[in-house]
Amino acid sequence: MRKTPPNRDVQREAREWRRESERWTQERHIEKGYRIKWGYVSIAYLVEFMVIGASLWGAWLFAGVYSDGDSQAFYFMLLAPLVYAAVELCRVPLGILARTQRSYFIRMLAIVGIVFAAGVTTKSVSQLGEMMFHPRLMDAAKAKTALKDAQADRGTIDNRIAAADARVAQYTTELDQIEKRAAENASQLAGLPAQRCERVYGTNSKGQRYSNMKCVTDPRTATLNASVAKAGSDRGAVTKMLEEARKARADLDRGAAERKVADAEQAYRNSVNRSQLHSFTAMVYGVDPIDVSEAQVHAFLRIFVFVPALCAAFASTILALCAVSVRKTFMDEDDLGATVDPAATPYMLDSITDALRQEMALSQPRGVPDEPAVAPPVPATAAATATAPVTVAPGGAVIPIDRRGPAQAASAGGGA
């Protein structure tokens, strides 16, 4: 609580100053013919700055993701968003100009500028909307690709199993043939006569006698030994290929393929359930989210991206347009908001005449004989027509209360 009483003079001066300021502001608005509600304009600018800030931040992140570490490409990708932000900043002033300019040509130019700036804003905001849905859509796309691969793998499992069985049978047959050929060569080699050895006597070039042991082998032995060696090498190669074919055949399991498809379907369903766009599209078309087609998703994406972008583009502009109150003319301004009905004119004239008579009677000096109080003459046109309220000045001049012309008064009376 205050310890000292308030200074009434200071409060009175402050109140008078406030009234004078409001009066001056009102007169200025009347002279200009319009009034701007700056609170609404401030909100419109706040919306503009939020859109510009979000667009620039989104462009920065977009450039960081898709520039692939190239700093020059990164800054190149930021030039256009800066120009777009400058264009977006013009929408609110253009909206105010469209309301305050008296030239229709300038108004049309301002409206065209608003449409162009709104187009730029729609592009920026739609890019932000697409970036909002992009991660979930990419996860869903990857999961769907994995599901298609699993389904294709399951669809060809029978053919691949048959091919693997054929390879195993082929290598088994080749191995059996090699084993059979090797056994035949071994039996033939075993059936050949043993090596014959005999002593050979003779005399050398020096006339000395010598005696050596000479062994004679069957000529077929070398051929059979080569066939046996080749059969062994072929057996090793075919055995290795047979093991690989059997391993590949073991990996081909119908149950495993079915389980892989089931896992891929579950992963795709989880990705779709995490995607808000798939959920809304499925709700609109009345199908399961996993059964939504790519065309349906992208059709709904256009609605979810472009419609909010258009709303964001025109919201602040519409607010700026509504923040301007236009007054038609200076004389149409009526602070009190009251009008005089022409039908009440005779009653007003009678009351004014009685008041003048009483005032003239009171102002009559003493000692002077009373004279009949006669009202000053009223022009015949004003008294006869009685289409507009009038008042009579002390000097006898008639001052009309309604300053409109006869045609305007007649139209107002007809409207009433």
Protein backbone atom coordinates (compact mmCIF):
# COMPACT_ATOMS: atom_id res chain seq x y z
CA MET A 1 0.00 0.00 0.00
CA ARG A 2 1.07 3.53 -0.72
CA LYS A 3 2.30 5.61 2.22
CA THR A 4 1.55 8.91 0.45
CA PRO A 5 -1.62 9.84 -1.43
CA PRO A 6 -1.35 9.98 -5.23
CA ASN A 7 -0.69 13.30 -6.88
CA ARG A 8 -3.98 14.20 -8.53
CA ASP A 9 -2.39 16.81 -10.75
CA VAL A 10 0.09 14.32 -12.20
CA GLN A 11 -2.66 11.80 -12.79
CA ARG A 12 -4.83 14.44 -14.41
CA GLU A 13 -2.00 15.56 -16.71
CA ALA A 14 -1.22 11.95 -17.64
CA ARG A 15 -4.87 11.30 -18.38
CA GLU A 16 -5.12 14.43 -20.52
CA TRP A 17 -1.92 13.49 -22.35
CA ARG A 18 -3.26 10.02 -23.03
CA ARG A 19 -6.53 11.42 -24.32
CA GLU A 20 -4.71 13.91 -26.50
CA SER A 21 -2.52 11.15 -27.94
CA GLU A 22 -5.54 8.98 -28.66
CA ARG A 23 -7.32 11.93 -30.25
CA TRP A 24 -4.30 12.72 -32.43
CA THR A 25 -3.99 9.06 -33.44
CA GLN A 26 -7.69 8.91 -34.31
CA GLU A 27 -7.49 12.07 -36.38
CA ARG A 28 -4.47 10.74 -38.23
CA HIS A 29 -6.26 7.49 -39.00
CA ILE A 30 -9.23 9.47 -40.33
CA GLU A 31 -6.98 11.62 -42.51
CA LYS A 32 -5.14 8.62 -43.94
CA GLY A 33 -8.35 6.70 -44.54
CA TYR A 34 -7.19 3.48 -42.91
CA ARG A 35 -5.98 2.06 -39.64
CA ILE A 36 -3.37 -0.69 -39.13
CA LYS A 37 -3.60 -3.00 -36.14
CA TRP A 38 0.07 -3.48 -35.43
CA GLY A 39 -0.51 -6.34 -33.01
CA TYR A 40 -1.83 -8.51 -35.80
CA VAL A 41 0.96 -7.34 -38.07
CA SER A 42 3.50 -8.37 -35.41
CA ILE A 43 1.96 -11.83 -35.26
CA ALA A 44 2.14 -12.05 -39.06
CA TYR A 45 5.82 -11.10 -38.99
CA LEU A 46 6.45 -13.64 -36.23
CA VAL A 47 4.92 -16.35 -38.42
CA GLU A 48 7.07 -15.16 -41.32
CA PHE A 49 10.26 -15.33 -39.26
CA MET A 50 9.36 -18.81 -38.03
CA VAL A 51 8.78 -20.02 -41.60
CA ILE A 52 12.01 -18.40 -42.79
CA GLY A 53 14.02 -19.83 -39.90
CA ALA A 54 12.64 -23.34 -40.40
CA SER A 55 13.25 -23.14 -44.16
CA LEU A 56 16.86 -22.02 -43.74
CA TRP A 57 17.55 -24.66 -41.08
CA GLY A 58 15.99 -27.35 -43.28
CA ALA A 59 18.06 -26.18 -46.26
CA TRP A 60 21.21 -26.34 -44.09
CA LEU A 61 20.45 -29.93 -43.05
CA PHE A 62 19.48 -30.87 -46.61
CA ALA A 63 22.76 -29.51 -47.95
CA GLY A 64 24.71 -31.32 -45.23
CA VAL A 65 23.11 -34.66 -46.13
CA TYR A 66 23.30 -34.44 -49.93
CA SER A 67 26.53 -32.49 -50.48
CA ASP A 68 28.60 -35.68 -49.83
CA GLY A 69 31.19 -33.77 -47.82
CA ASP A 70 31.98 -31.29 -50.59
CA SER A 71 32.12 -27.87 -48.91
CA GLN A 72 31.77 -25.98 -52.19
CA ALA A 73 28.64 -27.92 -53.15
CA PHE A 74 27.33 -27.37 -49.61
CA TYR A 75 27.45 -23.59 -49.90
CA PHE A 76 26.13 -23.68 -53.47
CA MET A 77 23.05 -25.47 -52.17
CA LEU A 78 22.42 -22.66 -49.64
CA LEU A 79 22.34 -19.76 -52.11
CA ALA A 80 18.82 -20.35 -53.44
CA PRO A 81 17.26 -20.78 -49.94
CA LEU A 82 18.68 -17.40 -48.91
CA VAL A 83 17.00 -15.75 -51.91
CA TYR A 84 13.77 -17.62 -51.13
CA ALA A 85 13.88 -16.31 -47.56
CA ALA A 86 14.24 -12.73 -48.83
CA VAL A 87 11.23 -13.22 -51.11
CA GLU A 88 9.16 -14.70 -48.28
CA LEU A 89 9.86 -11.62 -46.16
CA CYS A 90 8.00 -9.47 -48.70
CA ARG A 91 4.60 -11.10 -48.26
CA VAL A 92 3.41 -9.19 -45.19
CA PRO A 93 4.34 -5.72 -46.58
CA LEU A 94 2.69 -6.66 -49.87
CA GLY A 95 -0.47 -7.63 -48.01
CA ILE A 96 -0.54 -4.25 -46.24
CA LEU A 97 0.04 -2.45 -49.54
CA ALA A 98 -2.81 -4.36 -51.15
CA ARG A 99 -5.13 -2.89 -48.52
CA THR A 100 -3.81 0.65 -48.14
CA GLN A 101 -3.01 1.69 -51.71
CA ARG A 102 -5.74 3.66 -53.46
CA SER A 103 -4.53 2.86 -56.98
CA TYR A 104 -6.08 -0.34 -58.28
CA PHE A 105 -3.05 -0.94 -60.48
CA ILE A 106 -0.74 -0.91 -57.45
CA ARG A 107 -3.15 -3.18 -55.61
CA MET A 108 -3.06 -5.67 -58.47
CA LEU A 109 0.73 -5.57 -58.50
CA ALA A 110 0.76 -6.22 -54.75
CA ILE A 111 -1.61 -9.17 -55.15
CA VAL A 112 0.57 -10.62 -57.93
CA GLY A 113 3.59 -10.23 -55.67
CA ILE A 114 1.75 -12.00 -52.86
CA VAL A 115 0.97 -14.94 -55.17
CA PHE A 116 4.59 -15.17 -56.31
CA ALA A 117 5.92 -14.99 -52.75
CA ALA A 118 3.37 -17.57 -51.64
CA GLY A 119 4.62 -19.87 -54.39
CA VAL A 120 8.16 -19.59 -53.04
CA THR A 121 6.92 -20.26 -49.50
CA THR A 122 4.94 -23.26 -50.72
CA LYS A 123 8.09 -24.70 -52.25
CA SER A 124 10.13 -24.22 -49.08
CA VAL A 125 7.48 -25.54 -46.70
CA SER A 126 6.65 -28.50 -48.97
CA GLN A 127 10.34 -29.44 -48.94
CA LEU A 128 10.25 -29.38 -45.14
CA GLY A 129 7.14 -31.57 -45.17
CA GLU A 130 8.77 -34.08 -47.50
CA MET A 131 11.86 -34.14 -45.28
CA MET A 132 9.60 -34.86 -42.31
CA PHE A 133 8.16 -38.00 -43.96
CA HIS A 134 11.36 -39.05 -45.80
CA PRO A 135 13.06 -41.19 -43.08
CA ARG A 136 9.99 -43.34 -42.43
CA LEU A 137 9.28 -43.71 -46.12
CA MET A 138 12.87 -44.82 -46.75
CA ASP A 139 12.65 -47.42 -43.96
CA ALA A 140 9.39 -48.71 -45.39
CA ALA A 141 10.88 -48.81 -48.90
CA LYS A 142 13.94 -50.78 -47.71
CA ALA A 143 11.76 -53.22 -45.79
CA LYS A 144 9.52 -53.70 -48.82
CA THR A 145 12.55 -54.36 -51.05
CA ALA A 146 13.79 -56.99 -48.59
CA LEU A 147 10.31 -58.55 -48.58
CA LYS A 148 10.22 -58.72 -52.37
CA ASP A 149 13.67 -60.34 -52.42
CA ALA A 150 12.55 -62.92 -49.87
CA GLN A 151 9.38 -63.66 -51.83
CA ALA A 152 11.38 -64.00 -55.05
CA ASP A 153 13.81 -66.28 -53.26
CA ARG A 154 10.93 -68.41 -52.04
CA GLY A 155 9.39 -68.49 -55.50
CA THR A 156 12.60 -69.89 -57.07
CA ILE A 157 13.54 -72.25 -54.24
CA ASP A 158 12.14 -75.30 -56.05
CA ASN A 159 14.05 -74.58 -59.23
CA ARG A 160 17.25 -73.94 -57.31
CA ILE A 161 16.79 -77.13 -55.30
CA ALA A 162 16.29 -79.12 -58.52
CA ALA A 163 19.39 -77.55 -60.05
CA ALA A 164 21.43 -78.30 -56.93
CA ASP A 165 20.22 -81.91 -56.92
CA ALA A 166 21.17 -82.21 -60.59
CA ARG A 167 24.67 -80.91 -59.87
CA VAL A 168 25.08 -83.32 -56.97
CA ALA A 169 23.89 -86.23 -59.15
CA GLN A 170 26.21 -85.17 -61.98
CA TYR A 171 29.28 -84.97 -59.75
CA THR A 172 28.33 -88.26 -58.11
CA THR A 173 28.07 -89.93 -61.51
CA GLU A 174 31.39 -88.46 -62.63
CA LEU A 175 33.03 -89.63 -59.42
CA ASP A 176 31.62 -93.14 -59.93
CA GLN A 177 32.94 -93.21 -63.50
CA ILE A 178 36.36 -92.06 -62.35
CA GLU A 179 36.40 -94.71 -59.64
CA LYS A 180 35.37 -97.33 -62.17
CA ARG A 181 38.05 -96.24 -64.66
CA ALA A 182 40.69 -96.18 -61.96
CA ALA A 183 39.70 -99.70 -60.87
CA GLU A 184 39.89 -100.97 -64.45
CA ASN A 185 43.32 -99.40 -64.93
CA ALA A 186 44.51 -100.89 -61.69
CA SER A 187 43.26 -104.35 -62.63
CA GLN A 188 44.89 -104.09 -66.06
CA LEU A 189 48.08 -102.93 -64.48
CA ALA A 190 47.98 -105.83 -62.11
CA GLY A 191 47.39 -108.28 -64.99
CA LEU A 192 50.51 -107.26 -66.89
CA PRO A 193 53.50 -109.64 -66.77
CA ALA A 194 56.13 -108.91 -64.25
CA GLN A 195 59.33 -107.18 -65.21
CA ARG A 196 61.88 -109.51 -66.78
CA CYS A 197 65.51 -109.11 -65.77
CA GLU A 198 68.53 -110.96 -67.32
CA ARG A 199 72.28 -110.58 -67.20
CA VAL A 200 74.01 -109.21 -70.23
CA TYR A 201 77.63 -109.88 -71.03
CA GLY A 202 79.92 -107.98 -73.38
CA THR A 203 83.28 -106.26 -74.06
CA ASN A 204 83.78 -102.54 -73.94
CA SER A 205 85.91 -100.37 -76.21
CA LYS A 206 89.01 -101.04 -74.10
CA GLY A 207 88.68 -104.76 -74.58
CA GLN A 208 87.46 -105.35 -71.05
CA ARG A 209 84.68 -107.77 -70.32
CA TYR A 210 81.57 -106.52 -68.44
CA SER A 211 78.43 -108.07 -67.03
CA ASN A 212 75.22 -106.01 -66.30
CA MET A 213 71.66 -106.77 -65.16
CA LYS A 214 69.05 -105.64 -67.72
CA CYS A 215 65.30 -105.39 -66.85
CA VAL A 216 62.60 -105.21 -69.51
CA THR A 217 59.17 -103.70 -68.64
CA ASP A 218 55.88 -104.18 -70.55
CA PRO A 219 55.18 -101.03 -72.72
CA ARG A 220 51.58 -100.90 -71.49
CA THR A 221 52.72 -100.25 -67.95
CA ALA A 222 53.55 -96.57 -68.53
CA THR A 223 50.19 -95.89 -70.18
CA LEU A 224 48.26 -97.58 -67.42
CA ASN A 225 50.25 -95.74 -64.74
CA ALA A 226 49.43 -92.41 -66.41
CA SER A 227 45.72 -93.35 -66.55
CA VAL A 228 45.76 -94.25 -62.87
CA ALA A 229 47.44 -90.95 -61.96
CA LYS A 230 44.96 -88.96 -64.02
CA ALA A 231 42.06 -90.81 -62.43
CA GLY A 232 43.41 -89.85 -59.03
CA SER A 233 43.62 -86.14 -59.87
CA ASP A 234 40.17 -86.20 -61.46
CA ARG A 235 38.83 -87.95 -58.39
CA GLY A 236 40.15 -85.19 -56.16
CA ALA A 237 38.68 -82.36 -58.27
CA VAL A 238 35.28 -84.03 -58.65
CA THR A 239 35.19 -84.85 -54.94
CA LYS A 240 35.77 -81.19 -54.07
CA MET A 241 33.04 -80.01 -56.45
CA LEU A 242 30.68 -82.66 -55.09
CA GLU A 243 31.24 -81.43 -51.54
CA GLU A 244 30.51 -77.85 -52.59
CA ALA A 245 27.36 -78.91 -54.44
CA ARG A 246 26.14 -80.88 -51.42
CA LYS A 247 26.80 -77.88 -49.17
CA ALA A 248 24.89 -75.56 -51.51
CA ARG A 249 22.05 -78.05 -51.60
CA ALA A 250 21.97 -78.19 -47.83
CA ASP A 251 21.55 -74.41 -47.70
CA LEU A 252 18.48 -74.61 -49.90
CA ASP A 253 15.70 -75.21 -47.41
CA ARG A 254 12.04 -74.50 -48.06
CA GLY A 255 11.41 -73.95 -44.40
CA ALA A 256 14.23 -71.43 -44.18
CA ALA A 257 12.85 -69.58 -47.20
CA GLU A 258 9.40 -69.45 -45.61
CA ARG A 259 10.88 -68.17 -42.35
CA LYS A 260 12.85 -65.52 -44.24
CA VAL A 261 9.68 -64.32 -45.96
CA ALA A 262 7.83 -64.22 -42.65
CA ASP A 263 10.61 -62.21 -41.02
CA ALA A 264 10.69 -59.79 -43.96
CA GLU A 265 6.91 -59.33 -43.78
CA GLN A 266 7.12 -58.60 -40.06
CA ALA A 267 9.92 -56.09 -40.57
CA TYR A 268 7.94 -54.37 -43.34
CA ARG A 269 4.81 -54.26 -41.19
CA ASN A 270 6.78 -52.67 -38.34
CA SER A 271 8.19 -50.05 -40.70
CA VAL A 272 4.74 -49.30 -42.10
CA ASN A 273 3.24 -49.00 -38.62
CA ARG A 274 5.93 -46.46 -37.73
CA SER A 275 5.08 -44.44 -40.86
CA GLN A 276 2.30 -41.95 -40.16
CA LEU A 277 1.74 -41.44 -43.88
CA HIS A 278 1.04 -45.14 -44.48
CA SER A 279 -1.37 -45.20 -41.54
CA PHE A 280 -3.36 -42.21 -42.79
CA THR A 281 -3.41 -43.55 -46.35
CA ALA A 282 -4.67 -46.94 -45.15
CA MET A 283 -7.33 -45.20 -43.06
CA VAL A 284 -8.53 -43.18 -46.06
CA TYR A 285 -8.60 -46.09 -48.52
CA GLY A 286 -9.87 -48.60 -45.96
CA VAL A 287 -7.13 -51.20 -46.44
CA ASP A 288 -4.40 -52.74 -44.33
CA PRO A 289 -1.32 -50.50 -44.06
CA ILE A 290 0.90 -53.23 -45.51
CA ASP A 291 -1.38 -53.45 -48.57
CA VAL A 292 -1.14 -49.73 -49.43
CA SER A 293 0.38 -49.18 -52.86
CA GLU A 294 3.14 -46.73 -53.70
CA ALA A 295 0.78 -44.69 -55.88
CA GLN A 296 -1.68 -44.27 -53.02
CA VAL A 297 1.06 -43.26 -50.60
CA HIS A 298 2.48 -40.63 -52.96
CA ALA A 299 -1.00 -39.30 -53.77
CA PHE A 300 -1.64 -38.82 -50.06
CA LEU A 301 1.87 -37.38 -49.67
CA ARG A 302 0.99 -34.62 -52.11
CA ILE A 303 -2.02 -33.74 -49.96
CA PHE A 304 -0.04 -33.84 -46.72
CA VAL A 305 2.78 -31.73 -48.14
CA PHE A 306 1.25 -29.17 -50.49
CA VAL A 307 -1.97 -28.33 -48.63
CA PRO A 308 -0.21 -27.39 -45.36
CA ALA A 309 2.42 -25.57 -47.42
CA LEU A 310 -0.28 -23.46 -49.12
CA CYS A 311 -1.91 -22.77 -45.75
CA ALA A 312 1.41 -21.68 -44.29
CA ALA A 313 2.11 -19.55 -47.34
CA PHE A 314 -1.11 -17.53 -47.08
CA ALA A 315 -1.77 -17.55 -43.32
CA SER A 316 0.43 -14.60 -42.38
CA THR A 317 -0.59 -12.71 -45.53
CA ILE A 318 -4.28 -13.08 -44.72
CA LEU A 319 -3.57 -11.90 -41.19
CA ALA A 320 -1.78 -8.84 -42.56
CA LEU A 321 -4.68 -8.13 -44.91
CA CYS A 322 -7.16 -8.32 -42.03
CA ALA A 323 -5.00 -6.08 -39.83
CA VAL A 324 -5.93 -3.04 -41.97
CA SER A 325 -9.25 -1.24 -41.40
CA VAL A 326 -10.11 0.96 -44.38
CA ARG A 327 -12.28 4.09 -44.07
CA LYS A 328 -13.97 5.26 -47.24
CA THR A 329 -13.91 9.06 -46.78
CA PHE A 330 -13.23 11.66 -44.13
CA MET A 331 -16.88 12.73 -43.82
CA ASP A 332 -18.10 9.14 -43.41
CA GLU A 333 -16.24 8.86 -40.12
CA ASP A 334 -18.73 8.97 -37.23
CA ASP A 335 -17.05 8.52 -33.88
CA LEU A 336 -20.31 8.30 -31.98
CA GLY A 337 -21.89 5.88 -34.38
CA ALA A 338 -25.27 7.71 -34.18
CA THR A 339 -27.55 8.75 -37.03
CA VAL A 340 -30.60 11.02 -37.20
CA ASP A 341 -33.80 9.64 -38.64
CA PRO A 342 -35.34 12.16 -41.10
CA ALA A 343 -38.79 11.33 -39.70
CA ALA A 344 -37.77 12.97 -36.41
CA THR A 345 -36.95 16.31 -38.05
CA PRO A 346 -40.23 18.12 -37.24
CA TYR A 347 -39.99 17.18 -33.57
CA MET A 348 -36.40 18.40 -33.43
CA LEU A 349 -37.39 21.71 -35.04
CA ASP A 350 -40.19 22.18 -32.51
CA SER A 351 -37.93 21.55 -29.57
CA ILE A 352 -35.25 23.87 -30.95
CA THR A 353 -37.82 26.62 -31.56
CA ASP A 354 -39.17 26.35 -28.01
CA ALA A 355 -35.67 26.52 -26.59
CA LEU A 356 -34.89 29.66 -28.61
CA ARG A 357 -38.09 31.34 -27.47
CA GLN A 358 -37.35 30.64 -23.84
CA GLU A 359 -33.78 31.91 -24.19
CA MET A 360 -34.90 35.12 -25.91
CA ALA A 361 -37.52 35.67 -23.21
CA LEU A 362 -34.94 35.33 -20.47
CA SER A 363 -32.53 37.67 -22.23
CA GLN A 364 -35.19 40.41 -22.50
CA PRO A 365 -33.99 43.48 -20.44
CA ARG A 366 -36.09 44.63 -17.50
CA GLY A 367 -38.33 47.63 -17.99
CA VAL A 368 -38.86 46.88 -21.63
CA PRO A 369 -42.35 45.78 -22.54
CA ASP A 370 -42.61 42.17 -23.41
CA GLU A 371 -42.71 41.41 -27.05
CA PRO A 372 -43.81 38.19 -28.50
CA ALA A 373 -40.86 35.87 -28.90
CA VAL A 374 -40.70 35.09 -32.53
CA ALA A 375 -38.22 32.63 -33.85
CA PRO A 376 -35.88 33.90 -36.49
CA PRO A 377 -37.07 33.16 -39.97
CA VAL A 378 -36.24 29.78 -41.33
CA PRO A 379 -35.63 29.37 -45.04
CA ALA A 380 -38.60 28.00 -46.86
CA THR A 381 -36.64 25.26 -48.51
CA ALA A 382 -35.40 23.89 -45.21
CA ALA A 383 -38.74 24.22 -43.46
CA ALA A 384 -40.82 22.88 -46.32
CA THR A 385 -38.83 19.92 -47.25
CA ALA A 386 -37.94 18.87 -43.68
CA THR A 387 -35.60 16.29 -45.05
CA ALA A 388 -32.65 17.20 -42.83
CA PRO A 389 -32.41 18.34 -39.19
CA VAL A 390 -31.39 21.99 -38.79
CA THR A 391 -30.51 24.37 -36.00
CA VAL A 392 -30.82 28.13 -35.86
CA ALA A 393 -27.88 30.27 -34.81
CA PRO A 394 -28.38 33.35 -32.63
CA GLY A 395 -27.62 35.55 -35.64
CA GLY A 396 -30.47 33.98 -37.56
CA ALA A 397 -28.43 31.71 -39.85
CA VAL A 398 -29.64 28.21 -40.43
CA ILE A 399 -27.01 25.52 -39.75
CA PRO A 400 -27.95 22.09 -41.06
CA ILE A 401 -27.12 19.21 -38.72
CA ASP A 402 -27.00 16.70 -41.57
CA ARG A 403 -24.41 17.97 -44.06
CA ARG A 404 -25.16 15.42 -46.71
CA GLY A 405 -26.68 16.43 -50.02
CA PRO A 406 -30.34 16.01 -50.81
CA ALA A 407 -29.75 12.90 -52.90
CA GLN A 408 -27.76 11.23 -50.10
CA ALA A 409 -30.35 12.23 -47.50
CA ALA A 410 -33.15 10.87 -49.68
CA SER A 411 -31.32 7.59 -50.20
CA ALA A 412 -30.62 7.33 -46.44
CA GLY A 413 -34.27 8.00 -45.65
CA GLY A 414 -35.40 5.38 -48.15
CA GLY A 415 -32.97 2.89 -46.66
CA ALA A 416 -34.29 3.59 -43.16
